[in-house]
N, C-alpha and C. Protein backbone atom coordinates (compact mmCIF):
# COMPACT_ATOMS: atom_id res chain seq x y z
N UNK A 1 -71.51 -18.98 32.01
CA UNK A 1 -71.00 -18.18 33.10
C UNK A 1 -71.28 -18.74 34.51
N UNK A 2 -70.32 -18.42 35.23
CA UNK A 2 -70.39 -18.88 36.60
C UNK A 2 -71.13 -17.89 37.48
N UNK A 3 -72.11 -18.27 38.35
CA UNK A 3 -72.92 -17.32 39.01
C UNK A 3 -72.70 -17.76 40.43
N UNK A 4 -72.60 -16.82 41.31
CA UNK A 4 -72.75 -17.12 42.84
C UNK A 4 -74.14 -16.83 43.19
N UNK A 5 -74.75 -17.90 43.62
CA UNK A 5 -76.10 -17.94 44.19
C UNK A 5 -76.33 -17.92 45.60
N UNK A 6 -77.27 -16.99 46.13
CA UNK A 6 -77.51 -16.79 47.41
C UNK A 6 -78.66 -17.78 47.83
N UNK A 7 -78.68 -18.39 48.90
CA UNK A 7 -79.86 -19.17 49.35
C UNK A 7 -80.71 -18.42 50.32
N UNK A 8 -80.56 -17.20 50.41
CA UNK A 8 -81.44 -16.39 51.38
C UNK A 8 -82.24 -15.18 50.73
N UNK A 9 -82.77 -15.58 49.53
CA UNK A 9 -83.47 -14.71 48.88
C UNK A 9 -84.98 -15.16 48.92
N UNK A 10 -85.87 -14.14 49.25
CA UNK A 10 -87.27 -14.44 49.11
C UNK A 10 -88.00 -13.26 48.41
N UNK A 11 -88.81 -13.68 47.52
CA UNK A 11 -89.53 -12.70 46.81
C UNK A 11 -90.58 -11.83 47.71
N UNK A 12 -90.33 -10.52 47.63
CA UNK A 12 -91.10 -9.53 48.44
C UNK A 12 -92.34 -8.99 47.76
N UNK A 13 -93.51 -9.50 48.10
CA UNK A 13 -94.61 -8.89 47.43
C UNK A 13 -95.09 -7.57 48.05
N UNK A 14 -95.65 -6.80 47.23
CA UNK A 14 -96.13 -5.37 47.54
C UNK A 14 -97.66 -5.38 47.64
N UNK A 15 -98.30 -4.48 47.96
CA UNK A 15 -99.72 -4.37 48.07
C UNK A 15 -100.40 -4.06 46.87
N UNK A 16 -99.58 -3.46 45.89
CA UNK A 16 -99.94 -3.15 44.65
C UNK A 16 -99.66 -4.35 43.73
N UNK A 17 -100.67 -4.97 43.21
CA UNK A 17 -100.25 -6.24 42.38
C UNK A 17 -100.32 -5.93 40.82
N UNK A 18 -99.88 -7.01 40.21
CA UNK A 18 -99.93 -6.82 38.78
C UNK A 18 -101.37 -6.58 38.37
N UNK A 19 -102.28 -7.20 38.85
CA UNK A 19 -103.79 -6.98 38.50
C UNK A 19 -104.07 -5.63 38.63
N UNK A 20 -103.62 -4.94 39.77
CA UNK A 20 -103.96 -3.46 39.83
C UNK A 20 -103.33 -2.59 38.83
N UNK A 21 -102.12 -3.00 38.48
CA UNK A 21 -101.43 -2.16 37.42
C UNK A 21 -102.06 -2.29 36.11
N UNK A 22 -102.50 -3.63 35.84
CA UNK A 22 -103.25 -3.73 34.60
C UNK A 22 -104.60 -2.98 34.61
N UNK A 23 -105.28 -2.98 35.74
CA UNK A 23 -106.47 -2.16 35.67
C UNK A 23 -106.31 -0.64 35.50
N UNK A 24 -105.17 -0.12 36.07
CA UNK A 24 -104.73 1.14 35.89
C UNK A 24 -104.36 1.54 34.37
N UNK A 25 -103.68 0.64 33.72
CA UNK A 25 -103.36 0.74 32.47
C UNK A 25 -104.32 0.36 31.44
N UNK A 26 -105.45 -0.27 31.91
CA UNK A 26 -106.61 -0.57 31.10
C UNK A 26 -106.21 -1.63 29.90
N UNK A 27 -105.19 -2.43 30.22
CA UNK A 27 -104.84 -3.62 29.24
C UNK A 27 -103.93 -4.49 29.98
N UNK A 28 -103.84 -5.70 29.63
CA UNK A 28 -102.90 -6.71 30.15
C UNK A 28 -101.48 -6.31 29.96
N UNK A 29 -100.70 -6.90 30.73
CA UNK A 29 -99.28 -6.86 30.72
C UNK A 29 -98.84 -7.98 29.79
N UNK A 30 -98.17 -7.97 28.70
CA UNK A 30 -97.66 -9.09 28.15
C UNK A 30 -96.38 -8.90 27.24
N UNK A 31 -95.84 -9.84 26.72
CA UNK A 31 -94.64 -9.71 25.99
C UNK A 31 -94.77 -10.20 24.54
N UNK A 32 -94.36 -9.20 23.61
CA UNK A 32 -94.22 -9.67 22.06
C UNK A 32 -92.92 -9.76 21.79
N UNK A 33 -92.43 -10.97 21.51
CA UNK A 33 -90.98 -11.26 21.24
C UNK A 33 -90.82 -11.53 19.87
N UNK A 34 -90.07 -10.55 19.28
CA UNK A 34 -89.65 -10.71 17.75
C UNK A 34 -88.40 -11.43 17.64
N UNK A 35 -88.41 -12.48 16.82
CA UNK A 35 -87.13 -13.11 16.45
C UNK A 35 -87.08 -13.32 15.03
N UNK A 36 -85.83 -13.33 14.58
CA UNK A 36 -85.48 -13.45 13.14
C UNK A 36 -83.99 -13.10 12.91
N UNK A 37 -83.62 -13.38 11.70
CA UNK A 37 -82.29 -13.00 11.15
C UNK A 37 -81.93 -11.51 11.18
N UNK A 38 -80.74 -11.14 11.48
CA UNK A 38 -80.36 -9.73 11.17
C UNK A 38 -80.88 -9.26 9.90
N UNK A 39 -81.47 -8.19 9.78
CA UNK A 39 -82.04 -7.68 8.67
C UNK A 39 -83.46 -8.02 8.25
N UNK A 40 -83.98 -8.97 8.94
CA UNK A 40 -85.15 -9.49 8.53
C UNK A 40 -86.45 -8.38 8.97
N UNK A 41 -86.04 -7.38 9.78
CA UNK A 41 -86.96 -6.39 10.05
C UNK A 41 -87.56 -6.31 11.43
N UNK A 42 -87.08 -7.01 12.44
CA UNK A 42 -87.38 -7.08 13.66
C UNK A 42 -87.51 -5.64 14.32
N UNK A 43 -86.45 -4.93 14.29
CA UNK A 43 -86.54 -3.58 15.05
C UNK A 43 -87.53 -2.71 14.40
N UNK A 44 -87.41 -2.76 13.00
CA UNK A 44 -88.33 -1.84 12.26
C UNK A 44 -89.83 -2.12 12.43
N UNK A 45 -90.16 -3.37 12.53
CA UNK A 45 -91.46 -3.78 12.82
C UNK A 45 -91.83 -3.40 14.36
N UNK A 46 -91.02 -3.64 15.28
CA UNK A 46 -91.22 -3.44 16.61
C UNK A 46 -91.38 -1.93 16.87
N UNK A 47 -90.60 -0.97 16.14
CA UNK A 47 -90.67 0.33 16.33
C UNK A 47 -92.21 0.76 15.81
N UNK A 48 -92.52 0.35 14.63
CA UNK A 48 -93.72 0.60 13.92
C UNK A 48 -94.94 0.08 14.87
N UNK A 49 -94.98 -1.07 15.38
CA UNK A 49 -96.06 -1.49 16.16
C UNK A 49 -96.01 -0.76 17.57
N UNK A 50 -94.93 -0.43 18.08
CA UNK A 50 -94.98 0.42 19.46
C UNK A 50 -95.67 1.64 19.13
N UNK A 51 -95.34 2.27 18.03
CA UNK A 51 -96.05 3.61 17.69
C UNK A 51 -97.56 3.55 17.60
N UNK A 52 -97.86 2.47 16.87
CA UNK A 52 -99.36 2.08 16.65
C UNK A 52 -100.04 1.90 18.03
N UNK A 53 -99.48 1.07 18.85
CA UNK A 53 -99.94 0.84 20.11
C UNK A 53 -100.13 2.15 21.00
N UNK A 54 -99.09 2.96 21.00
CA UNK A 54 -98.96 4.14 21.61
C UNK A 54 -100.18 5.06 21.40
N UNK A 55 -100.55 5.19 19.99
CA UNK A 55 -101.69 5.99 19.48
C UNK A 55 -102.86 5.31 19.93
N UNK A 56 -102.87 3.97 20.29
CA UNK A 56 -104.24 3.44 20.70
C UNK A 56 -104.27 3.40 22.24
N UNK A 57 -103.46 4.21 22.77
CA UNK A 57 -103.57 4.47 24.28
C UNK A 57 -102.91 3.41 25.31
N UNK A 58 -101.93 2.53 24.50
CA UNK A 58 -101.41 1.48 25.45
C UNK A 58 -100.13 1.86 25.87
N UNK A 59 -99.83 1.26 27.11
CA UNK A 59 -98.43 1.61 27.72
C UNK A 59 -97.41 0.61 27.45
N UNK A 60 -96.41 1.13 26.71
CA UNK A 60 -95.43 -0.02 26.21
C UNK A 60 -94.22 0.34 26.46
N UNK A 61 -93.23 -0.58 26.17
CA UNK A 61 -91.61 -0.33 26.33
C UNK A 61 -91.09 -1.35 25.31
N UNK A 62 -90.00 -0.90 24.61
CA UNK A 62 -89.39 -1.67 23.61
C UNK A 62 -88.02 -1.90 23.94
N UNK A 63 -87.56 -3.17 23.96
CA UNK A 63 -86.31 -3.74 24.29
C UNK A 63 -85.64 -4.19 22.77
N UNK A 64 -84.37 -3.59 22.58
CA UNK A 64 -83.90 -3.96 21.25
C UNK A 64 -82.46 -4.52 21.45
N UNK A 65 -82.10 -5.43 20.63
CA UNK A 65 -80.76 -6.00 20.79
C UNK A 65 -79.78 -5.20 21.10
N UNK A 66 -79.35 -4.25 20.06
CA UNK A 66 -78.27 -3.29 20.13
C UNK A 66 -78.32 -2.43 21.35
N UNK A 67 -79.71 -1.82 21.68
CA UNK A 67 -79.70 -1.01 22.68
C UNK A 67 -79.45 -1.63 24.16
N UNK A 68 -79.97 -2.87 24.35
CA UNK A 68 -79.70 -3.52 25.65
C UNK A 68 -78.11 -3.77 25.78
N UNK A 69 -77.54 -4.17 24.49
CA UNK A 69 -76.07 -4.55 24.73
C UNK A 69 -75.26 -3.24 25.01
N UNK A 70 -75.79 -1.95 24.93
CA UNK A 70 -75.05 -0.76 25.26
C UNK A 70 -74.99 -0.51 26.77
N UNK A 71 -75.76 -1.32 27.52
CA UNK A 71 -75.98 -1.17 29.06
C UNK A 71 -75.89 -2.41 29.67
N UNK A 72 -77.16 -3.02 30.06
CA UNK A 72 -77.25 -4.03 30.70
C UNK A 72 -76.39 -5.24 30.45
N UNK A 73 -76.27 -5.51 29.10
CA UNK A 73 -75.52 -6.77 28.55
C UNK A 73 -74.41 -6.24 27.76
N UNK A 74 -73.68 -5.18 28.39
CA UNK A 74 -72.40 -4.73 27.62
C UNK A 74 -71.30 -5.58 27.84
N UNK A 75 -71.31 -6.38 28.87
CA UNK A 75 -70.16 -7.37 29.21
C UNK A 75 -70.38 -8.65 28.35
N UNK A 76 -71.29 -8.83 27.51
CA UNK A 76 -71.52 -9.93 26.82
C UNK A 76 -71.17 -9.92 25.33
N UNK A 77 -70.49 -10.90 24.73
CA UNK A 77 -70.09 -10.97 23.41
C UNK A 77 -70.98 -11.83 22.73
N UNK A 78 -70.65 -12.64 21.71
CA UNK A 78 -71.55 -13.41 20.81
C UNK A 78 -71.41 -14.76 20.84
N UNK A 79 -70.52 -15.27 21.83
CA UNK A 79 -70.28 -16.80 21.79
C UNK A 79 -71.67 -17.51 22.04
N UNK A 80 -71.83 -18.82 21.87
CA UNK A 80 -73.10 -19.53 22.30
C UNK A 80 -73.29 -19.27 23.77
N UNK A 81 -72.37 -19.20 24.62
CA UNK A 81 -72.71 -19.02 26.13
C UNK A 81 -73.26 -17.61 26.28
N UNK A 82 -72.65 -16.57 25.71
CA UNK A 82 -72.97 -15.38 26.00
C UNK A 82 -74.41 -15.04 25.25
N UNK A 83 -74.68 -15.69 24.20
CA UNK A 83 -76.04 -15.42 23.65
C UNK A 83 -77.18 -15.98 24.66
N UNK A 84 -76.71 -17.21 25.17
CA UNK A 84 -77.73 -17.73 26.16
C UNK A 84 -77.88 -16.75 27.31
N UNK A 85 -76.75 -16.28 27.81
CA UNK A 85 -76.87 -15.32 28.89
C UNK A 85 -77.72 -13.96 28.72
N UNK A 86 -77.45 -13.57 27.43
CA UNK A 86 -78.14 -12.37 26.85
C UNK A 86 -79.62 -12.57 26.98
N UNK A 87 -80.12 -13.77 26.38
CA UNK A 87 -81.55 -13.84 26.44
C UNK A 87 -82.08 -14.19 27.69
N UNK A 88 -81.24 -14.81 28.53
CA UNK A 88 -81.85 -15.03 29.94
C UNK A 88 -82.09 -13.89 30.66
N UNK A 89 -81.13 -12.86 30.41
CA UNK A 89 -81.49 -11.55 31.18
C UNK A 89 -82.45 -10.83 30.63
N UNK A 90 -82.67 -10.84 29.29
CA UNK A 90 -83.68 -10.11 28.61
C UNK A 90 -85.04 -10.81 29.08
N UNK A 91 -85.06 -12.13 29.17
CA UNK A 91 -86.15 -12.84 29.50
C UNK A 91 -86.64 -12.22 30.87
N UNK A 92 -85.94 -12.12 31.84
CA UNK A 92 -86.16 -11.69 33.22
C UNK A 92 -86.47 -10.16 33.28
N UNK A 93 -86.05 -9.39 32.37
CA UNK A 93 -86.44 -8.02 32.33
C UNK A 93 -87.74 -7.93 31.64
N UNK A 94 -88.20 -8.71 30.59
CA UNK A 94 -89.52 -8.92 30.14
C UNK A 94 -90.46 -9.25 31.08
N UNK A 95 -90.04 -10.22 32.02
CA UNK A 95 -91.07 -10.87 33.08
C UNK A 95 -91.35 -9.41 33.98
N UNK A 96 -90.48 -8.82 34.31
CA UNK A 96 -90.73 -7.46 35.18
C UNK A 96 -91.54 -6.57 34.55
N UNK A 97 -91.46 -6.29 33.20
CA UNK A 97 -92.35 -5.54 32.41
C UNK A 97 -93.73 -6.03 32.52
N UNK A 98 -93.99 -7.31 32.51
CA UNK A 98 -95.25 -7.87 32.41
C UNK A 98 -95.79 -7.58 33.80
N UNK A 99 -95.03 -7.76 34.74
CA UNK A 99 -95.64 -7.58 36.25
C UNK A 99 -95.85 -6.18 36.35
N UNK A 100 -95.28 -5.25 35.66
CA UNK A 100 -95.67 -3.81 35.71
C UNK A 100 -96.83 -3.52 35.00
N UNK A 101 -97.48 -4.47 34.33
CA UNK A 101 -98.73 -4.35 33.52
C UNK A 101 -98.36 -3.73 32.17
N UNK A 102 -97.20 -3.68 31.67
CA UNK A 102 -96.91 -2.91 30.50
C UNK A 102 -96.76 -4.02 29.30
N UNK A 103 -97.05 -3.55 28.04
CA UNK A 103 -96.86 -4.47 26.80
C UNK A 103 -95.28 -4.21 26.47
N UNK A 104 -94.63 -5.04 26.52
CA UNK A 104 -93.12 -5.04 26.05
C UNK A 104 -92.86 -5.69 24.96
N UNK A 105 -92.19 -4.90 24.02
CA UNK A 105 -91.82 -5.48 22.84
C UNK A 105 -90.32 -5.79 22.50
N UNK A 106 -89.92 -7.05 22.58
CA UNK A 106 -88.56 -7.43 22.63
C UNK A 106 -87.87 -7.92 21.18
N UNK A 107 -87.08 -7.16 20.54
CA UNK A 107 -86.63 -7.58 19.39
C UNK A 107 -85.17 -8.07 19.33
N UNK A 108 -84.93 -9.25 19.26
CA UNK A 108 -83.74 -9.88 19.33
C UNK A 108 -83.58 -11.02 18.35
N UNK A 109 -82.38 -11.30 17.96
CA UNK A 109 -82.28 -12.40 17.01
C UNK A 109 -82.56 -13.81 17.77
N UNK A 110 -82.07 -13.91 18.83
CA UNK A 110 -82.49 -15.09 19.82
C UNK A 110 -82.50 -16.17 18.97
N UNK A 111 -81.31 -16.74 18.55
CA UNK A 111 -81.45 -17.72 17.61
C UNK A 111 -81.71 -19.21 18.09
N UNK A 112 -81.74 -19.41 19.46
CA UNK A 112 -81.83 -20.81 19.94
C UNK A 112 -83.24 -20.93 20.36
N UNK A 113 -84.06 -22.07 20.04
CA UNK A 113 -85.48 -22.28 20.42
C UNK A 113 -85.42 -22.27 22.05
N UNK A 114 -84.58 -23.11 22.67
CA UNK A 114 -84.57 -23.43 23.97
C UNK A 114 -84.42 -22.13 24.80
N UNK A 115 -83.72 -21.08 24.33
CA UNK A 115 -83.61 -19.78 25.01
C UNK A 115 -84.93 -19.11 24.89
N UNK A 116 -85.56 -19.05 23.67
CA UNK A 116 -86.89 -18.42 23.63
C UNK A 116 -87.88 -19.11 24.48
N UNK A 117 -87.81 -20.31 24.46
CA UNK A 117 -88.63 -21.16 25.31
C UNK A 117 -88.35 -20.77 26.83
N UNK A 118 -87.25 -20.66 27.37
CA UNK A 118 -87.06 -20.31 28.55
C UNK A 118 -87.55 -18.92 28.90
N UNK A 119 -87.40 -17.96 27.99
CA UNK A 119 -88.03 -16.57 28.22
C UNK A 119 -89.57 -16.71 28.37
N UNK A 120 -90.14 -17.58 27.56
CA UNK A 120 -91.63 -17.74 27.69
C UNK A 120 -92.00 -18.35 29.05
N UNK A 121 -91.15 -19.24 29.38
CA UNK A 121 -91.69 -20.10 30.58
C UNK A 121 -91.35 -19.43 31.90
N UNK A 122 -90.99 -18.21 31.79
CA UNK A 122 -90.77 -17.41 33.04
C UNK A 122 -92.06 -16.84 33.50
N UNK A 123 -92.95 -17.03 32.71
CA UNK A 123 -94.33 -16.34 33.13
C UNK A 123 -94.91 -17.32 34.22
N UNK A 124 -95.42 -16.84 35.42
CA UNK A 124 -96.07 -17.61 36.25
C UNK A 124 -97.59 -17.70 36.05
N UNK A 125 -98.01 -16.99 35.12
CA UNK A 125 -99.55 -17.18 34.82
C UNK A 125 -99.84 -18.45 33.94
N UNK A 126 -101.08 -18.87 34.15
CA UNK A 126 -101.49 -19.85 33.18
C UNK A 126 -101.83 -19.57 32.00
N UNK A 127 -102.38 -18.39 31.66
CA UNK A 127 -102.76 -17.94 30.30
C UNK A 127 -101.44 -17.34 29.52
N UNK A 128 -101.49 -17.35 28.30
CA UNK A 128 -100.45 -16.92 27.73
C UNK A 128 -100.16 -15.56 27.46
N UNK A 129 -99.06 -15.00 28.11
CA UNK A 129 -98.81 -13.64 28.12
C UNK A 129 -97.49 -13.42 27.34
N UNK A 130 -97.14 -14.39 26.47
CA UNK A 130 -95.90 -14.23 25.82
C UNK A 130 -96.08 -14.67 24.32
N UNK A 131 -95.98 -13.76 23.44
CA UNK A 131 -96.21 -13.90 22.01
C UNK A 131 -95.02 -14.01 21.30
N UNK A 132 -94.69 -15.08 20.51
CA UNK A 132 -93.59 -15.04 19.67
C UNK A 132 -94.01 -14.75 18.26
N UNK A 133 -93.29 -13.71 17.72
CA UNK A 133 -93.32 -13.35 16.36
C UNK A 133 -92.21 -13.78 15.71
N UNK A 134 -92.36 -14.56 14.52
CA UNK A 134 -91.28 -14.85 13.88
C UNK A 134 -91.22 -14.02 12.53
N UNK A 135 -90.21 -13.07 12.65
CA UNK A 135 -90.08 -12.15 11.56
C UNK A 135 -89.20 -12.76 10.42
N UNK A 136 -89.87 -13.26 9.45
CA UNK A 136 -89.19 -14.19 8.43
C UNK A 136 -89.01 -13.62 7.12
N UNK A 137 -87.72 -13.52 6.87
CA UNK A 137 -87.27 -12.94 5.57
C UNK A 137 -86.05 -13.90 5.11
N UNK A 138 -86.06 -14.42 3.98
CA UNK A 138 -84.96 -15.41 3.51
C UNK A 138 -83.61 -14.66 3.74
N UNK A 139 -82.61 -15.57 3.95
CA UNK A 139 -81.23 -15.06 4.13
C UNK A 139 -80.66 -14.07 2.96
N UNK A 140 -81.07 -14.44 1.73
CA UNK A 140 -80.56 -13.71 0.69
C UNK A 140 -81.20 -12.33 0.61
N UNK A 141 -82.55 -12.21 1.12
CA UNK A 141 -83.06 -10.93 1.20
C UNK A 141 -82.57 -10.14 2.30
N UNK A 142 -82.29 -10.78 3.44
CA UNK A 142 -81.50 -10.09 4.55
C UNK A 142 -80.13 -9.47 4.25
N UNK A 143 -79.40 -10.37 3.33
CA UNK A 143 -78.08 -9.96 2.88
C UNK A 143 -78.20 -8.78 1.92
N UNK A 144 -79.33 -8.79 1.13
CA UNK A 144 -79.46 -7.69 0.10
C UNK A 144 -79.66 -6.43 0.91
N UNK A 145 -80.60 -6.34 1.89
CA UNK A 145 -80.78 -5.23 2.81
C UNK A 145 -79.51 -4.75 3.52
N UNK A 146 -79.13 -5.57 4.37
CA UNK A 146 -77.78 -5.48 5.17
C UNK A 146 -77.81 -4.15 5.56
N UNK A 147 -78.67 -3.49 6.43
CA UNK A 147 -78.57 -2.23 6.76
C UNK A 147 -77.40 -1.78 7.58
N UNK A 148 -76.60 -2.46 8.27
CA UNK A 148 -75.52 -2.20 9.00
C UNK A 148 -74.15 -2.75 8.48
N UNK A 149 -74.48 -3.55 7.22
CA UNK A 149 -73.12 -3.97 6.63
C UNK A 149 -72.58 -5.15 7.33
N UNK A 150 -73.34 -5.76 8.21
CA UNK A 150 -72.78 -6.82 9.01
C UNK A 150 -72.65 -8.18 8.17
N UNK A 151 -73.57 -8.43 7.20
CA UNK A 151 -73.35 -9.71 6.50
C UNK A 151 -72.12 -9.60 5.48
N UNK A 152 -71.83 -8.46 5.02
CA UNK A 152 -70.57 -8.21 4.22
C UNK A 152 -69.36 -8.56 5.06
N UNK A 153 -69.32 -8.01 6.41
CA UNK A 153 -68.13 -8.33 7.16
C UNK A 153 -68.00 -9.80 7.71
N UNK A 154 -69.31 -10.36 7.78
CA UNK A 154 -69.32 -11.74 8.13
C UNK A 154 -68.81 -12.72 7.06
N UNK A 155 -69.21 -12.32 5.90
CA UNK A 155 -68.78 -13.08 4.70
C UNK A 155 -67.20 -12.98 4.55
N UNK A 156 -66.85 -11.84 4.97
CA UNK A 156 -65.28 -11.65 4.95
C UNK A 156 -64.52 -12.16 6.00
N UNK A 157 -65.21 -12.53 6.99
CA UNK A 157 -64.60 -13.32 8.08
C UNK A 157 -64.22 -12.50 9.41
N UNK A 158 -64.86 -11.10 9.19
CA UNK A 158 -64.46 -10.10 10.12
C UNK A 158 -65.24 -10.30 11.60
N UNK A 159 -66.56 -10.85 11.22
CA UNK A 159 -67.43 -11.10 12.46
C UNK A 159 -67.61 -12.45 12.61
N UNK A 160 -67.00 -13.12 13.73
CA UNK A 160 -67.22 -14.63 13.98
C UNK A 160 -68.57 -14.81 14.63
N UNK A 161 -69.06 -15.97 14.63
CA UNK A 161 -70.31 -16.37 15.26
C UNK A 161 -71.49 -15.47 14.85
N UNK A 162 -71.53 -15.34 13.48
CA UNK A 162 -72.66 -14.43 13.05
C UNK A 162 -73.80 -15.27 12.59
N UNK A 163 -74.98 -15.02 13.06
CA UNK A 163 -76.19 -15.96 12.86
C UNK A 163 -76.57 -15.86 11.36
N UNK A 164 -76.71 -17.17 10.91
CA UNK A 164 -77.08 -17.37 9.37
C UNK A 164 -75.89 -17.57 8.52
N UNK A 165 -74.66 -17.14 8.95
CA UNK A 165 -73.50 -17.39 8.31
C UNK A 165 -72.51 -18.39 8.96
N UNK A 166 -72.06 -18.05 10.07
CA UNK A 166 -71.23 -18.98 10.66
C UNK A 166 -71.85 -19.39 12.11
N UNK A 167 -72.97 -19.13 12.39
CA UNK A 167 -73.65 -19.65 13.52
C UNK A 167 -75.09 -19.81 13.31
N UNK A 168 -75.69 -20.79 13.87
CA UNK A 168 -77.11 -21.17 13.44
C UNK A 168 -78.22 -20.41 13.85
N UNK A 169 -79.31 -20.48 13.11
CA UNK A 169 -80.62 -20.01 13.72
C UNK A 169 -81.57 -20.95 13.53
N UNK A 170 -82.24 -21.17 14.81
CA UNK A 170 -83.30 -22.22 14.74
C UNK A 170 -84.67 -21.44 14.65
N UNK A 171 -85.35 -21.54 13.57
CA UNK A 171 -86.59 -21.01 13.44
C UNK A 171 -87.74 -21.41 14.13
N UNK A 172 -88.52 -20.65 14.70
CA UNK A 172 -89.72 -21.08 15.62
C UNK A 172 -90.45 -22.20 14.90
N UNK A 173 -90.96 -22.95 15.69
CA UNK A 173 -91.77 -24.29 14.92
C UNK A 173 -93.21 -23.89 15.15
N UNK A 174 -93.67 -23.15 16.10
CA UNK A 174 -95.06 -22.87 16.38
C UNK A 174 -95.25 -21.38 16.94
N UNK A 175 -94.75 -20.29 16.19
CA UNK A 175 -94.94 -18.98 16.70
C UNK A 175 -96.35 -18.59 16.65
N UNK A 176 -96.78 -17.68 17.63
CA UNK A 176 -98.12 -17.19 17.78
C UNK A 176 -98.38 -16.33 16.39
N UNK A 177 -97.37 -15.65 15.77
CA UNK A 177 -97.55 -14.87 14.68
C UNK A 177 -96.44 -15.03 13.75
N UNK A 178 -96.67 -15.26 12.46
CA UNK A 178 -95.61 -15.36 11.52
C UNK A 178 -95.76 -14.20 10.23
N UNK A 179 -94.73 -13.37 10.44
CA UNK A 179 -94.90 -12.20 9.61
C UNK A 179 -93.69 -12.27 8.60
N UNK A 180 -94.05 -12.54 7.35
CA UNK A 180 -93.10 -12.73 6.24
C UNK A 180 -92.69 -11.55 5.68
N UNK A 181 -91.74 -10.83 6.19
CA UNK A 181 -91.26 -9.47 5.69
C UNK A 181 -90.51 -9.42 4.39
N UNK A 182 -90.31 -10.73 3.90
CA UNK A 182 -89.76 -10.77 2.48
C UNK A 182 -90.74 -10.54 1.50
N UNK A 183 -91.90 -10.66 1.92
CA UNK A 183 -93.16 -10.45 1.01
C UNK A 183 -94.21 -9.54 1.48
N UNK A 184 -94.10 -9.00 2.59
CA UNK A 184 -95.20 -8.00 3.03
C UNK A 184 -94.45 -6.69 3.47
N UNK A 185 -95.12 -5.58 3.50
CA UNK A 185 -94.58 -4.33 3.94
C UNK A 185 -94.66 -4.27 5.64
N UNK A 186 -93.97 -3.34 6.09
CA UNK A 186 -94.00 -3.14 7.64
C UNK A 186 -95.35 -2.89 8.06
N UNK A 187 -96.09 -2.01 7.23
CA UNK A 187 -97.50 -1.58 7.62
C UNK A 187 -98.33 -2.91 7.67
N UNK A 188 -98.19 -3.71 6.71
CA UNK A 188 -98.94 -4.91 6.76
C UNK A 188 -98.84 -5.74 7.88
N UNK A 189 -97.52 -5.92 8.18
CA UNK A 189 -96.97 -6.64 9.34
C UNK A 189 -97.61 -6.11 10.65
N UNK A 190 -97.67 -4.85 10.85
CA UNK A 190 -98.23 -4.19 11.94
C UNK A 190 -99.72 -4.44 11.98
N UNK A 191 -100.32 -4.41 10.96
CA UNK A 191 -101.76 -4.71 10.95
C UNK A 191 -102.05 -6.17 11.26
N UNK A 192 -101.31 -7.17 10.80
CA UNK A 192 -101.45 -8.41 11.12
C UNK A 192 -101.26 -8.64 12.75
N UNK A 193 -100.29 -7.96 13.34
CA UNK A 193 -100.11 -8.23 14.64
C UNK A 193 -101.27 -7.64 15.51
N UNK A 194 -101.68 -6.34 15.12
CA UNK A 194 -102.68 -5.78 15.85
C UNK A 194 -104.05 -6.66 15.66
N UNK A 195 -104.38 -7.07 14.60
CA UNK A 195 -105.50 -7.92 14.37
C UNK A 195 -105.38 -9.20 15.28
N UNK A 196 -104.16 -9.76 15.36
CA UNK A 196 -104.13 -10.94 16.24
C UNK A 196 -104.42 -10.60 17.76
N UNK A 197 -103.81 -9.44 18.18
CA UNK A 197 -104.04 -9.00 19.38
C UNK A 197 -105.52 -8.72 19.85
N UNK A 198 -106.13 -8.21 18.89
CA UNK A 198 -107.56 -7.90 19.12
C UNK A 198 -108.51 -9.21 19.06
N UNK A 199 -108.23 -9.97 18.11
CA UNK A 199 -108.88 -11.32 18.00
C UNK A 199 -108.84 -12.19 19.35
N UNK A 200 -107.45 -12.07 19.88
CA UNK A 200 -107.30 -13.03 21.06
C UNK A 200 -107.39 -12.06 22.40
N UNK A 201 -108.10 -10.95 22.38
CA UNK A 201 -108.47 -10.33 23.68
C UNK A 201 -107.18 -9.76 24.26
N UNK A 202 -106.19 -9.35 23.72
CA UNK A 202 -105.07 -8.70 24.31
C UNK A 202 -105.21 -7.26 24.54
N UNK A 203 -105.85 -6.68 23.43
CA UNK A 203 -106.34 -5.30 23.42
C UNK A 203 -107.89 -5.23 22.91
N UNK A 204 -108.34 -4.20 23.18
CA UNK A 204 -109.81 -4.00 22.85
C UNK A 204 -109.84 -3.49 21.37
N UNK A 205 -110.86 -3.90 20.69
CA UNK A 205 -110.95 -3.47 19.26
C UNK A 205 -111.24 -2.10 19.20
N UNK A 206 -111.94 -1.37 20.24
CA UNK A 206 -112.16 0.14 20.17
C UNK A 206 -110.91 0.82 20.06
N UNK A 207 -109.73 0.37 20.66
CA UNK A 207 -108.71 1.10 20.64
C UNK A 207 -108.09 1.28 19.23
N UNK A 208 -108.31 0.26 18.33
CA UNK A 208 -107.73 0.36 16.91
C UNK A 208 -108.52 1.54 16.33
N UNK A 209 -109.88 1.75 16.50
CA UNK A 209 -110.61 2.74 15.76
C UNK A 209 -110.05 4.15 16.31
N UNK A 210 -109.61 4.21 17.57
CA UNK A 210 -109.12 5.54 18.00
C UNK A 210 -107.72 5.79 17.28
N UNK A 211 -106.93 4.72 17.06
CA UNK A 211 -105.66 4.88 16.46
C UNK A 211 -105.92 5.36 14.94
N UNK A 212 -106.90 4.76 14.33
CA UNK A 212 -107.21 5.19 12.93
C UNK A 212 -107.66 6.65 12.75
N UNK A 213 -108.33 7.13 13.92
CA UNK A 213 -108.79 8.51 13.72
C UNK A 213 -107.62 9.59 14.11
N UNK A 214 -106.63 8.99 14.90
CA UNK A 214 -105.58 9.98 15.32
C UNK A 214 -104.87 10.50 14.01
């Protein structure tokens, strides 16, 4: 996509910083980026995890592929170029949520490694505030689920550039978290992610106890 760039743009800092907002929220701002094939369980897992984090007192916002394409990215199709721009925009939105001190959960097929790396590298911080979650289910399992009937249409040739059928998917090589949804339940996947967040000091262990009592 051709973009007209201005040379007269300067980031305007406010007096309330990200650190202040994180102190108010009582947790760090970071991104949990779910990637995987259509039907692998990205959206379902992100919804369940957001509910769990909400009951733990965390401030969250969830970005989902279809939801974003109804508004911000409604002008984009599914060509390789549009997929790149789709993830670029979402990466920038996720960066803003991190700056707001929020935990944002982004569920997108995001098939290309370089685009996921781009979203990760937008963070200005030295520490890791971008967690890639590979939601891994074999293609045959995703096709069996096919909750939206997309694989059937793709096999029939009705949907061009469909990831896993007529367009490639590049699986993460070193994701922070690998959830095998072809073998585990959504509840087990949520517990796996929460355990990682506690172990690596993204959230406090005491919050998990509050969640279980709710």
